[in-house]
Amino acid sequence: MPGESVGDLVFFDAILFEPGTSNQKGIKNAECETIDQRPDGKFVLSCQETINIFGSGTIFTEGKIDQGRFERPKFEKLKITDGNGIYTGAKGTETITQTRFPDQARIEMKVSLP
């Protein structure tokens, strides 16, 4: 990633499937910050976005970084926060419940470039 360094902002497009359905919820241009650079030169990003969630099921996060230059980033951490507390998952796929997330959740993703 020429010219980019820790602390820069990049943008992340994610696809989140509405729990219990096949409906896709797109996140376009979620703002991400490069928070670390690994010895191999790859970056770790931190992204945050708020989405509406209806129903129960599994939420899948996929996407591309920087308008397709980097496909299928590795999700190192996925934190879903609601008004009742925090649920933290270690992968890019997490199960949520309607009682825990009644209408809205804040998605925080820490991803590394493949």
PDB file of N, CA and C in Angstrom:
ATOM      1  N   MET A   1       0.847  -1.176   0.000  1.00  0.00           N
ATOM      2  CA  MET A   1       0.000   0.000   0.000  1.00  0.00           C
ATOM      3  C   MET A   1       0.891   1.236   0.000  1.00  0.00           C
ATOM      4  N   PRO A   2       1.319   1.640  -1.138  1.00  0.00           N
ATOM      5  CA  PRO A   2       2.266   2.750  -1.211  1.00  0.00           C
ATOM      6  C   PRO A   2       1.685   4.028  -0.628  1.00  0.00           C
ATOM      7  N   GLY A   3       2.493   4.722   0.129  1.00  0.00           N
ATOM      8  CA  GLY A   3       2.099   6.014   0.637  1.00  0.00           C
ATOM      9  C   GLY A   3       1.205   5.982   1.857  1.00  0.00           C
ATOM     10  N   GLU A   4       0.849   4.814   2.323  1.00  0.00           N
ATOM     11  CA  GLU A   4      -0.007   4.742   3.495  1.00  0.00           C
ATOM     12  C   GLU A   4       0.824   4.368   4.710  1.00  0.00           C
ATOM     13  N   SER A   5       0.432   4.899   5.851  1.00  0.00           N
ATOM     14  CA  SER A   5       1.160   4.618   7.076  1.00  0.00           C
ATOM     15  C   SER A   5       0.163   4.521   8.218  1.00  0.00           C
ATOM     16  N   VAL A   6       0.663   4.122   9.368  1.00  0.00           N
ATOM     17  CA  VAL A   6      -0.192   3.992  10.543  1.00  0.00           C
ATOM     18  C   VAL A   6      -0.816   5.348  10.861  1.00  0.00           C
ATOM     19  N   GLY A   7      -2.110   5.346  11.130  1.00  0.00           N
ATOM     20  CA  GLY A   7      -2.835   6.569  11.414  1.00  0.00           C
ATOM     21  C   GLY A   7      -3.601   7.112  10.229  1.00  0.00           C
ATOM     22  N   ASP A   8      -3.355   6.568   9.036  1.00  0.00           N
ATOM     23  CA  ASP A   8      -4.100   6.991   7.857  1.00  0.00           C
ATOM     24  C   ASP A   8      -5.516   6.436   7.895  1.00  0.00           C
ATOM     25  N   LEU A   9      -6.405   7.085   7.168  1.00  0.00           N
ATOM     26  CA  LEU A   9      -7.770   6.610   7.039  1.00  0.00           C
ATOM     27  C   LEU A   9      -7.942   5.913   5.694  1.00  0.00           C
ATOM     28  N   VAL A  10      -8.574   4.768   5.722  1.00  0.00           N
ATOM     29  CA  VAL A  10      -8.977   4.085   4.501  1.00  0.00           C
ATOM     30  C   VAL A  10     -10.461   3.778   4.646  1.00  0.00           C
ATOM     31  N   PHE A  11     -11.062   3.292   3.589  1.00  0.00           N
ATOM     32  CA  PHE A  11     -12.498   3.069   3.623  1.00  0.00           C
ATOM     33  C   PHE A  11     -12.806   1.613   3.351  1.00  0.00           C
ATOM     34  N   PHE A  12     -13.819   1.119   4.027  1.00  0.00           N
ATOM     35  CA  PHE A  12     -14.126  -0.301   4.023  1.00  0.00           C
ATOM     36  C   PHE A  12     -15.570  -0.504   3.614  1.00  0.00           C
ATOM     37  N   ASP A  13     -15.787  -1.378   2.628  1.00  0.00           N
ATOM     38  CA  ASP A  13     -17.137  -1.768   2.238  1.00  0.00           C
ATOM     39  C   ASP A  13     -17.422  -3.138   2.821  1.00  0.00           C
ATOM     40  N   ALA A  14     -18.490  -3.264   3.577  1.00  0.00           N
ATOM     41  CA  ALA A  14     -18.832  -4.539   4.203  1.00  0.00           C
ATOM     42  C   ALA A  14     -20.217  -4.965   3.770  1.00  0.00           C
ATOM     43  N   ILE A  15     -20.439  -6.259   3.782  1.00  0.00           N
ATOM     44  CA  ILE A  15     -21.762  -6.821   3.554  1.00  0.00           C
ATOM     45  C   ILE A  15     -22.154  -7.558   4.817  1.00  0.00           C
ATOM     46  N   LEU A  16     -23.265  -7.160   5.410  1.00  0.00           N
ATOM     47  CA  LEU A  16     -23.756  -7.828   6.610  1.00  0.00           C
ATOM     48  C   LEU A  16     -25.127  -8.396   6.299  1.00  0.00           C
ATOM     49  N   PHE A  17     -25.308  -9.676   6.561  1.00  0.00           N
ATOM     50  CA  PHE A  17     -26.584 -10.308   6.280  1.00  0.00           C
ATOM     51  C   PHE A  17     -27.507 -10.122   7.472  1.00  0.00           C
ATOM     52  N   GLU A  18     -28.703  -9.610   7.199  1.00  0.00           N
ATOM     53  CA  GLU A  18     -29.667  -9.399   8.270  1.00  0.00           C
ATOM     54  C   GLU A  18     -29.983 -10.732   8.919  1.00  0.00           C
ATOM     55  N   PRO A  19     -29.918 -10.800  10.230  1.00  0.00           N
ATOM     56  CA  PRO A  19     -30.078 -12.080  10.928  1.00  0.00           C
ATOM     57  C   PRO A  19     -31.366 -12.799  10.548  1.00  0.00           C
ATOM     58  N   GLY A  20     -31.237 -14.088  10.263  1.00  0.00           N
ATOM     59  CA  GLY A  20     -32.382 -14.917   9.956  1.00  0.00           C
ATOM     60  C   GLY A  20     -32.921 -14.762   8.551  1.00  0.00           C
ATOM     61  N   THR A  21     -32.284 -13.941   7.739  1.00  0.00           N
ATOM     62  CA  THR A  21     -32.754 -13.720   6.381  1.00  0.00           C
ATOM     63  C   THR A  21     -31.568 -13.747   5.434  1.00  0.00           C
ATOM     64  N   SER A  22     -31.874 -13.602   4.157  1.00  0.00           N
ATOM     65  CA  SER A  22     -30.803 -13.473   3.170  1.00  0.00           C
ATOM     66  C   SER A  22     -30.644 -12.018   2.738  1.00  0.00           C
ATOM     67  N   ASN A  23     -31.305 -11.114   3.446  1.00  0.00           N
ATOM     68  CA  ASN A  23     -31.209  -9.696   3.104  1.00  0.00           C
ATOM     69  C   ASN A  23     -29.818  -9.174   3.438  1.00  0.00           C
ATOM     70  N   GLN A  24     -29.235  -8.480   2.486  1.00  0.00           N
ATOM     71  CA  GLN A  24     -27.912  -7.933   2.711  1.00  0.00           C
ATOM     72  C   GLN A  24     -28.020  -6.487   3.170  1.00  0.00           C
ATOM     73  N   LYS A  25     -27.216  -6.149   4.155  1.00  0.00           N
ATOM     74  CA  LYS A  25     -27.115  -4.765   4.599  1.00  0.00           C
ATOM     75  C   LYS A  25     -25.721  -4.284   4.234  1.00  0.00           C
ATOM     76  N   GLY A  26     -25.663  -3.395   3.291  1.00  0.00           N
ATOM     77  CA  GLY A  26     -24.364  -2.928   2.842  1.00  0.00           C
ATOM     78  C   GLY A  26     -23.868  -1.758   3.667  1.00  0.00           C
ATOM     79  N   ILE A  27     -22.605  -1.760   3.935  1.00  0.00           N
ATOM     80  CA  ILE A  27     -21.949  -0.615   4.553  1.00  0.00           C
ATOM     81  C   ILE A  27     -20.971  -0.082   3.518  1.00  0.00           C
ATOM     82  N   LYS A  28     -21.198   1.107   3.078  1.00  0.00           N
ATOM     83  CA  LYS A  28     -20.340   1.699   2.063  1.00  0.00           C
ATOM     84  C   LYS A  28     -19.447   2.755   2.698  1.00  0.00           C
ATOM     85  N   ASN A  29     -18.205   2.666   2.392  1.00  0.00           N
ATOM     86  CA  ASN A  29     -17.247   3.674   2.832  1.00  0.00           C
ATOM     87  C   ASN A  29     -17.244   3.889   4.341  1.00  0.00           C
ATOM     88  N   ALA A  30     -17.303   2.794   5.079  1.00  0.00           N
ATOM     89  CA  ALA A  30     -17.092   2.904   6.520  1.00  0.00           C
ATOM     90  C   ALA A  30     -15.659   3.377   6.746  1.00  0.00           C
ATOM     91  N   GLU A  31     -15.511   4.320   7.636  1.00  0.00           N
ATOM     92  CA  GLU A  31     -14.188   4.885   7.851  1.00  0.00           C
ATOM     93  C   GLU A  31     -13.349   3.961   8.713  1.00  0.00           C
ATOM     94  N   CYS A  32     -12.172   3.651   8.244  1.00  0.00           N
ATOM     95  CA  CYS A  32     -11.246   2.801   8.981  1.00  0.00           C
ATOM     96  C   CYS A  32      -9.932   3.549   9.159  1.00  0.00           C
ATOM     97  N   GLU A  33      -9.266   3.229  10.241  1.00  0.00           N
ATOM     98  CA  GLU A  33      -7.960   3.819  10.502  1.00  0.00           C
ATOM     99  C   GLU A  33      -6.923   2.715  10.551  1.00  0.00           C
ATOM    100  N   THR A  34      -5.779   2.971   9.928  1.00  0.00           N
ATOM    101  CA  THR A  34      -4.686   2.007  10.025  1.00  0.00           C
ATOM    102  C   THR A  34      -4.066   2.162  11.410  1.00  0.00           C
ATOM    103  N   ILE A  35      -4.155   1.099  12.211  1.00  0.00           N
ATOM    104  CA  ILE A  35      -3.701   1.196  13.604  1.00  0.00           C
ATOM    105  C   ILE A  35      -2.390   0.456  13.843  1.00  0.00           C
ATOM    106  N   ASP A  36      -1.964  -0.327  12.875  1.00  0.00           N
ATOM    107  CA  ASP A  36      -0.716  -1.066  13.059  1.00  0.00           C
ATOM    108  C   ASP A  36      -0.204  -1.497  11.699  1.00  0.00           C
ATOM    109  N   GLN A  37       1.110  -1.611  11.594  1.00  0.00           N
ATOM    110  CA  GLN A  37       1.719  -2.157  10.390  1.00  0.00           C
ATOM    111  C   GLN A  37       2.593  -3.332  10.793  1.00  0.00           C
ATOM    112  N   ARG A  38       2.350  -4.465  10.164  1.00  0.00           N
ATOM    113  CA  ARG A  38       3.079  -5.671  10.512  1.00  0.00           C
ATOM    114  C   ARG A  38       4.456  -5.689   9.856  1.00  0.00           C
ATOM    115  N   PRO A  39       5.320  -6.587  10.309  1.00  0.00           N
ATOM    116  CA  PRO A  39       6.660  -6.677   9.714  1.00  0.00           C
ATOM    117  C   PRO A  39       6.637  -6.957   8.215  1.00  0.00           C
ATOM    118  N   ASP A  40       5.583  -7.647   7.740  1.00  0.00           N
ATOM    119  CA  ASP A  40       5.509  -7.930   6.303  1.00  0.00           C
ATOM    120  C   ASP A  40       4.956  -6.751   5.512  1.00  0.00           C
ATOM    121  N   GLY A  41       4.691  -5.639   6.198  1.00  0.00           N
ATOM    122  CA  GLY A  41       4.219  -4.448   5.515  1.00  0.00           C
ATOM    123  C   GLY A  41       2.717  -4.316   5.436  1.00  0.00           C
ATOM    124  N   LYS A  42       1.997  -5.352   5.811  1.00  0.00           N
ATOM    125  CA  LYS A  42       0.542  -5.282   5.762  1.00  0.00           C
ATOM    126  C   LYS A  42       0.007  -4.498   6.952  1.00  0.00           C
ATOM    127  N   PHE A  43      -1.165  -3.927   6.751  1.00  0.00           N
ATOM    128  CA  PHE A  43      -1.739  -3.055   7.766  1.00  0.00           C
ATOM    129  C   PHE A  43      -2.866  -3.741   8.509  1.00  0.00           C
ATOM    130  N   VAL A  44      -3.086  -3.298   9.733  1.00  0.00           N
ATOM    131  CA  VAL A  44      -4.256  -3.683  10.511  1.00  0.00           C
ATOM    132  C   VAL A  44      -5.153  -2.452  10.584  1.00  0.00           C
ATOM    133  N   LEU A  45      -6.430  -2.656  10.304  1.00  0.00           N
ATOM    134  CA  LEU A  45      -7.373  -1.553  10.287  1.00  0.00           C
ATOM    135  C   LEU A  45      -8.366  -1.677  11.431  1.00  0.00           C
ATOM    136  N   SER A  46      -8.875  -0.558  11.884  1.00  0.00           N
ATOM    137  CA  SER A  46      -9.967  -0.538  12.848  1.00  0.00           C
ATOM    138  C   SER A  46     -11.116   0.235  12.214  1.00  0.00           C
ATOM    139  N   CYS A  47     -12.306  -0.383  12.162  1.00  0.00           N
ATOM    140  CA  CYS A  47     -13.459   0.227  11.510  1.00  0.00           C
ATOM    141  C   CYS A  47     -14.629   0.228  12.477  1.00  0.00           C
ATOM    142  N   GLN A  48     -15.488   1.232  12.351  1.00  0.00           N
ATOM    143  CA  GLN A  48     -16.681   1.297  13.185  1.00  0.00           C
ATOM    144  C   GLN A  48     -17.857   1.711  12.319  1.00  0.00           C
ATOM    145  N   GLU A  49     -18.998   1.119  12.580  1.00  0.00           N
ATOM    146  CA  GLU A  49     -20.196   1.463  11.825  1.00  0.00           C
ATOM    147  C   GLU A  49     -21.415   1.087  12.647  1.00  0.00           C
ATOM    148  N   THR A  50     -22.479   1.853  12.508  1.00  0.00           N
ATOM    149  CA  THR A  50     -23.736   1.538  13.172  1.00  0.00           C
ATOM    150  C   THR A  50     -24.728   1.037  12.140  1.00  0.00           C
ATOM    151  N   ILE A  51     -25.369  -0.091  12.424  1.00  0.00           N
ATOM    152  CA  ILE A  51     -26.367  -0.633  11.508  1.00  0.00           C
ATOM    153  C   ILE A  51     -27.625  -0.973  12.293  1.00  0.00           C
ATOM    154  N   ASN A  52     -28.725  -1.063  11.580  1.00  0.00           N
ATOM    155  CA  ASN A  52     -29.971  -1.521  12.175  1.00  0.00           C
ATOM    156  C   ASN A  52     -30.064  -3.030  12.033  1.00  0.00           C
ATOM    157  N   ILE A  53     -30.513  -3.680  13.080  1.00  0.00           N
ATOM    158  CA  ILE A  53     -30.626  -5.133  13.083  1.00  0.00           C
ATOM    159  C   ILE A  53     -32.046  -5.495  13.482  1.00  0.00           C
ATOM    160  N   PHE A  54     -32.639  -6.416  12.727  1.00  0.00           N
ATOM    161  CA  PHE A  54     -33.986  -6.887  13.042  1.00  0.00           C
ATOM    162  C   PHE A  54     -33.973  -8.404  13.074  1.00  0.00           C
ATOM    163  N   GLY A  55     -34.535  -8.974  14.095  1.00  0.00           N
ATOM    164  CA  GLY A  55     -34.621 -10.420  14.166  1.00  0.00           C
ATOM    165  C   GLY A  55     -33.403 -11.042  14.810  1.00  0.00           C
ATOM    166  N   SER A  56     -33.378 -12.364  14.785  1.00  0.00           N
ATOM    167  CA  SER A  56     -32.275 -13.121  15.361  1.00  0.00           C
ATOM    168  C   SER A  56     -31.625 -13.958  14.282  1.00  0.00           C
ATOM    169  N   GLY A  57     -30.404 -14.330  14.500  1.00  0.00           N
ATOM    170  CA  GLY A  57     -29.726 -15.176  13.530  1.00  0.00           C
ATOM    171  C   GLY A  57     -28.236 -14.948  13.579  1.00  0.00           C
ATOM    172  N   THR A  58     -27.612 -15.101  12.441  1.00  0.00           N
ATOM    173  CA  THR A  58     -26.164 -14.975  12.346  1.00  0.00           C
ATOM    174  C   THR A  58     -25.814 -13.790  11.466  1.00  0.00           C
ATOM    175  N   ILE A  59     -24.850 -13.034  11.908  1.00  0.00           N
ATOM    176  CA  ILE A  59     -24.393 -11.899  11.122  1.00  0.00           C
ATOM    177  C   ILE A  59     -23.043 -12.258  10.507  1.00  0.00           C
ATOM    178  N   PHE A  60     -22.937 -12.067   9.209  1.00  0.00           N
ATOM    179  CA  PHE A  60     -21.711 -12.384   8.491  1.00  0.00           C
ATOM    180  C   PHE A  60     -21.113 -11.080   7.985  1.00  0.00           C
ATOM    181  N   THR A  61     -19.849 -10.904   8.186  1.00  0.00           N
ATOM    182  CA  THR A  61     -19.182  -9.725   7.657  1.00  0.00           C
ATOM    183  C   THR A  61     -18.191 -10.158   6.598  1.00  0.00           C
ATOM    184  N   GLU A  62     -18.389  -9.621   5.423  1.00  0.00           N
ATOM    185  CA  GLU A  62     -17.463  -9.836   4.328  1.00  0.00           C
ATOM    186  C   GLU A  62     -17.210  -8.476   3.716  1.00  0.00           C
ATOM    187  N   GLY A  63     -16.316  -8.422   2.775  1.00  0.00           N
ATOM    188  CA  GLY A  63     -16.187  -7.144   2.112  1.00  0.00           C
ATOM    189  C   GLY A  63     -14.873  -6.961   1.415  1.00  0.00           C
ATOM    190  N   LYS A  64     -14.656  -5.747   1.030  1.00  0.00           N
ATOM    191  CA  LYS A  64     -13.433  -5.400   0.343  1.00  0.00           C
ATOM    192  C   LYS A  64     -12.918  -4.104   0.930  1.00  0.00           C
ATOM    193  N   ILE A  65     -11.644  -3.926   0.840  1.00  0.00           N
ATOM    194  CA  ILE A  65     -11.016  -2.738   1.397  1.00  0.00           C
ATOM    195  C   ILE A  65     -10.528  -1.862   0.252  1.00  0.00           C
ATOM    196  N   ASP A  66     -10.757  -0.574   0.390  1.00  0.00           N
ATOM    197  CA  ASP A  66     -10.202   0.407  -0.532  1.00  0.00           C
ATOM    198  C   ASP A  66     -10.633   0.130  -1.964  1.00  0.00           C
ATOM    199  N   GLN A  67     -11.947   0.047  -2.172  1.00  0.00           N
ATOM    200  CA  GLN A  67     -12.543  -0.070  -3.493  1.00  0.00           C
ATOM    201  C   GLN A  67     -11.991  -1.250  -4.275  1.00  0.00           C
ATOM    202  N   GLY A  68     -11.840  -2.372  -3.600  1.00  0.00           N
ATOM    203  CA  GLY A  68     -11.538  -3.604  -4.304  1.00  0.00           C
ATOM    204  C   GLY A  68     -10.070  -3.941  -4.457  1.00  0.00           C
ATOM    205  N   ARG A  69      -9.183  -3.086  -4.000  1.00  0.00           N
ATOM    206  CA  ARG A  69      -7.766  -3.430  -4.151  1.00  0.00           C
ATOM    207  C   ARG A  69      -7.371  -4.590  -3.252  1.00  0.00           C
ATOM    208  N   PHE A  70      -8.104  -4.760  -2.163  1.00  0.00           N
ATOM    209  CA  PHE A  70      -7.793  -5.842  -1.241  1.00  0.00           C
ATOM    210  C   PHE A  70      -9.070  -6.612  -0.967  1.00  0.00           C
ATOM    211  N   GLU A  71      -9.148  -7.825  -1.455  1.00  0.00           N
ATOM    212  CA  GLU A  71     -10.362  -8.617  -1.320  1.00  0.00           C
ATOM    213  C   GLU A  71     -10.313  -9.474  -0.057  1.00  0.00           C
ATOM    214  N   ARG A  72     -11.492  -9.698   0.535  1.00  0.00           N
ATOM    215  CA  ARG A  72     -11.671 -10.605   1.657  1.00  0.00           C
ATOM    216  C   ARG A  72     -10.634 -10.410   2.761  1.00  0.00           C
ATOM    217  N   PRO A  73     -10.739  -9.310   3.476  1.00  0.00           N
ATOM    218  CA  PRO A  73      -9.813  -9.099   4.588  1.00  0.00           C
ATOM    219  C   PRO A  73     -10.038 -10.130   5.680  1.00  0.00           C
ATOM    220  N   LYS A  74      -9.044 -10.325   6.468  1.00  0.00           N
ATOM    221  CA  LYS A  74      -9.143 -11.236   7.607  1.00  0.00           C
ATOM    222  C   LYS A  74      -9.710 -10.456   8.794  1.00  0.00           C
ATOM    223  N   PHE A  75     -10.793 -10.979   9.363  1.00  0.00           N
ATOM    224  CA  PHE A  75     -11.381 -10.327  10.522  1.00  0.00           C
ATOM    225  C   PHE A  75     -10.737 -10.890  11.775  1.00  0.00           C
ATOM    226  N   GLU A  76      -9.997 -10.055  12.466  1.00  0.00           N
ATOM    227  CA  GLU A  76      -9.334 -10.492  13.684  1.00  0.00           C
ATOM    228  C   GLU A  76     -10.236 -10.299  14.892  1.00  0.00           C
ATOM    229  N   LYS A  77     -11.133  -9.370  14.808  1.00  0.00           N
ATOM    230  CA  LYS A  77     -11.976  -9.068  15.953  1.00  0.00           C
ATOM    231  C   LYS A  77     -13.259  -8.436  15.442  1.00  0.00           C
ATOM    232  N   LEU A  78     -14.352  -8.843  16.021  1.00  0.00           N
ATOM    233  CA  LEU A  78     -15.642  -8.252  15.676  1.00  0.00           C
ATOM    234  C   LEU A  78     -16.361  -7.952  16.980  1.00  0.00           C
ATOM    235  N   LYS A  79     -16.602  -6.694  17.252  1.00  0.00           N
ATOM    236  CA  LYS A  79     -17.271  -6.313  18.493  1.00  0.00           C
ATOM    237  C   LYS A  79     -18.614  -5.691  18.141  1.00  0.00           C
ATOM    238  N   ILE A  80     -19.670  -6.253  18.707  1.00  0.00           N
ATOM    239  CA  ILE A  80     -21.005  -5.736  18.483  1.00  0.00           C
ATOM    240  C   ILE A  80     -21.498  -5.156  19.800  1.00  0.00           C
ATOM    241  N   THR A  81     -21.845  -3.884  19.787  1.00  0.00           N
ATOM    242  CA  THR A  81     -22.244  -3.195  21.005  1.00  0.00           C
ATOM    243  C   THR A  81     -23.700  -2.756  20.893  1.00  0.00           C
ATOM    244  N   ASP A  82     -24.482  -3.005  21.929  1.00  0.00           N
ATOM    245  CA  ASP A  82     -25.841  -2.485  21.963  1.00  0.00           C
ATOM    246  C   ASP A  82     -26.056  -1.751  23.281  1.00  0.00           C
ATOM    247  N   GLY A  83     -27.300  -1.361  23.545  1.00  0.00           N
ATOM    248  CA  GLY A  83     -27.584  -0.597  24.745  1.00  0.00           C
ATOM    249  C   GLY A  83     -27.486  -1.399  26.023  1.00  0.00           C
ATOM    250  N   ASN A  84     -27.458  -2.720  25.901  1.00  0.00           N
ATOM    251  CA  ASN A  84     -27.449  -3.569  27.093  1.00  0.00           C
ATOM    252  C   ASN A  84     -26.075  -4.130  27.430  1.00  0.00           C
ATOM    253  N   GLY A  85     -25.087  -3.863  26.610  1.00  0.00           N
ATOM    254  CA  GLY A  85     -23.767  -4.409  26.899  1.00  0.00           C
ATOM    255  C   GLY A  85     -22.979  -4.636  25.630  1.00  0.00           C
ATOM    256  N   ILE A  86     -21.944  -5.413  25.749  1.00  0.00           N
ATOM    257  CA  ILE A  86     -21.029  -5.641  24.638  1.00  0.00           C
ATOM    258  C   ILE A  86     -20.898  -7.130  24.402  1.00  0.00           C
ATOM    259  N   TYR A  87     -20.984  -7.505  23.156  1.00  0.00           N
ATOM    260  CA  TYR A  87     -20.708  -8.887  22.771  1.00  0.00           C
ATOM    261  C   TYR A  87     -19.481  -8.862  21.881  1.00  0.00           C
ATOM    262  N   THR A  88     -18.475  -9.598  22.239  1.00  0.00           N
ATOM    263  CA  THR A  88     -17.242  -9.596  21.470  1.00  0.00           C
ATOM    264  C   THR A  88     -17.006 -10.969  20.876  1.00  0.00           C
ATOM    265  N   GLY A  89     -16.777 -11.003  19.600  1.00  0.00           N
ATOM    266  CA  GLY A  89     -16.485 -12.254  18.922  1.00  0.00           C
ATOM    267  C   GLY A  89     -15.089 -12.227  18.345  1.00  0.00           C
ATOM    268  N   ALA A  90     -14.562 -13.385  18.097  1.00  0.00           N
ATOM    269  CA  ALA A  90     -13.192 -13.498  17.612  1.00  0.00           C
ATOM    270  C   ALA A  90     -13.123 -13.707  16.110  1.00  0.00           C
ATOM    271  N   LYS A  91     -14.266 -13.910  15.469  1.00  0.00           N
ATOM    272  CA  LYS A  91     -14.260 -14.173  14.033  1.00  0.00           C
ATOM    273  C   LYS A  91     -15.205 -13.209  13.332  1.00  0.00           C
ATOM    274  N   GLY A  92     -15.284 -13.334  12.035  1.00  0.00           N
ATOM    275  CA  GLY A  92     -16.155 -12.472  11.253  1.00  0.00           C
ATOM    276  C   GLY A  92     -17.552 -13.010  11.106  1.00  0.00           C
ATOM    277  N   THR A  93     -17.914 -14.009  11.873  1.00  0.00           N
ATOM    278  CA  THR A  93     -19.267 -14.547  11.860  1.00  0.00           C
ATOM    279  C   THR A  93     -19.731 -14.677  13.297  1.00  0.00           C
ATOM    280  N   GLU A  94     -20.841 -14.064  13.623  1.00  0.00           N
ATOM    281  CA  GLU A  94     -21.314 -14.098  14.996  1.00  0.00           C
ATOM    282  C   GLU A  94     -22.822 -14.296  15.030  1.00  0.00           C
ATOM    283  N   THR A  95     -23.285 -15.005  16.040  1.00  0.00           N
ATOM    284  CA  THR A  95     -24.715 -15.207  16.235  1.00  0.00           C
ATOM    285  C   THR A  95     -25.236 -14.162  17.211  1.00  0.00           C
ATOM    286  N   ILE A  96     -26.351 -13.541  16.843  1.00  0.00           N
ATOM    287  CA  ILE A  96     -26.941 -12.540  17.717  1.00  0.00           C
ATOM    288  C   ILE A  96     -28.399 -12.905  17.964  1.00  0.00           C
ATOM    289  N   THR A  97     -28.983 -12.317  18.985  1.00  0.00           N
ATOM    290  CA  THR A  97     -30.384 -12.586  19.301  1.00  0.00           C
ATOM    291  C   THR A  97     -31.159 -11.281  19.328  1.00  0.00           C
ATOM    292  N   GLN A  98     -32.439 -11.387  19.020  1.00  0.00           N
ATOM    293  CA  GLN A  98     -33.261 -10.186  18.974  1.00  0.00           C
ATOM    294  C   GLN A  98     -33.397  -9.556  20.351  1.00  0.00           C
ATOM    295  N   THR A  99     -33.408 -10.369  21.389  1.00  0.00           N
ATOM    296  CA  THR A  99     -33.549  -9.808  22.729  1.00  0.00           C
ATOM    297  C   THR A  99     -32.305  -9.022  23.130  1.00  0.00           C
ATOM    298  N   ARG A 100     -31.169  -9.456  22.652  1.00  0.00           N
ATOM    299  CA  ARG A 100     -29.927  -8.763  23.002  1.00  0.00           C
ATOM    300  C   ARG A 100     -29.712  -7.534  22.124  1.00  0.00           C
ATOM    301  N   PHE A 101     -30.135  -7.637  20.867  1.00  0.00           N
ATOM    302  CA  PHE A 101     -29.948  -6.542  19.917  1.00  0.00           C
ATOM    303  C   PHE A 101     -31.296  -6.204  19.294  1.00  0.00           C
ATOM    304  N   PRO A 102     -32.137  -5.451  19.998  1.00  0.00           N
ATOM    305  CA  PRO A 102     -33.508  -5.261  19.537  1.00  0.00           C
ATOM    306  C   PRO A 102     -33.642  -4.455  18.254  1.00  0.00           C
ATOM    307  N   ASP A 103     -32.806  -3.469  18.038  1.00  0.00           N
ATOM    308  CA  ASP A 103     -33.035  -2.660  16.852  1.00  0.00           C
ATOM    309  C   ASP A 103     -31.783  -2.078  16.220  1.00  0.00           C
ATOM    310  N   GLN A 104     -30.754  -1.900  16.978  1.00  0.00           N
ATOM    311  CA  GLN A 104     -29.578  -1.283  16.388  1.00  0.00           C
ATOM    312  C   GLN A 104     -28.328  -1.784  17.097  1.00  0.00           C
ATOM    313  N   ALA A 105     -27.275  -1.904  16.361  1.00  0.00           N
ATOM    314  CA  ALA A 105     -26.006  -2.327  16.941  1.00  0.00           C
ATOM    315  C   ALA A 105     -24.883  -1.528  16.311  1.00  0.00           C
ATOM    316  N   ARG A 106     -23.853  -1.317  17.079  1.00  0.00           N
ATOM    317  CA  ARG A 106     -22.652  -0.674  16.548  1.00  0.00           C
ATOM    318  C   ARG A 106     -21.629  -1.762  16.283  1.00  0.00           C
ATOM    319  N   ILE A 107     -21.179  -1.815  15.055  1.00  0.00           N
ATOM    320  CA  ILE A 107     -20.234  -2.836  14.636  1.00  0.00           C
ATOM    321  C   ILE A 107     -18.840  -2.223  14.631  1.00  0.00           C
ATOM    322  N   GLU A 108     -17.937  -2.828  15.350  1.00  0.00           N
ATOM    323  CA  GLU A 108     -16.541  -2.406  15.302  1.00  0.00           C
ATOM    324  C   GLU A 108     -15.723  -3.579  14.794  1.00  0.00           C
ATOM    325  N   MET A 109     -15.022  -3.350  13.715  1.00  0.00           N
ATOM    326  CA  MET A 109     -14.268  -4.427  13.082  1.00  0.00           C
ATOM    327  C   MET A 109     -12.786  -4.092  13.092  1.00  0.00           C
ATOM    328  N   LYS A 110     -12.008  -5.034  13.518  1.00  0.00           N
ATOM    329  CA  LYS A 110     -10.563  -4.911  13.384  1.00  0.00           C
ATOM    330  C   LYS A 110     -10.152  -5.916  12.323  1.00  0.00           C
ATOM    331  N   VAL A 111      -9.584  -5.442  11.255  1.00  0.00           N
ATOM    332  CA  VAL A 111      -9.267  -6.328  10.138  1.00  0.00           C
ATOM    333  C   VAL A 111      -7.812  -6.139   9.737  1.00  0.00           C
ATOM    334  N   SER A 112      -7.262  -7.181   9.174  1.00  0.00           N
ATOM    335  CA  SER A 112      -5.927  -7.060   8.606  1.00  0.00           C
ATOM    336  C   SER A 112      -6.014  -7.370   7.124  1.00  0.00           C
ATOM    337  N   LEU A 113      -5.181  -6.729   6.349  1.00  0.00           N
ATOM    338  CA  LEU A 113      -5.202  -6.948   4.912  1.00  0.00           C
ATOM    339  C   LEU A 113      -4.600  -8.308   4.599  1.00  0.00           C
ATOM    340  N   PRO A 114      -5.188  -9.010   3.633  1.00  0.00           N
ATOM    341  CA  PRO A 114      -4.672 -10.343   3.290  1.00  0.00           C
ATOM    342  C   PRO A 114      -3.317 -10.264   2.605  1.00  0.00           C
TER     343      PRO A 114
END
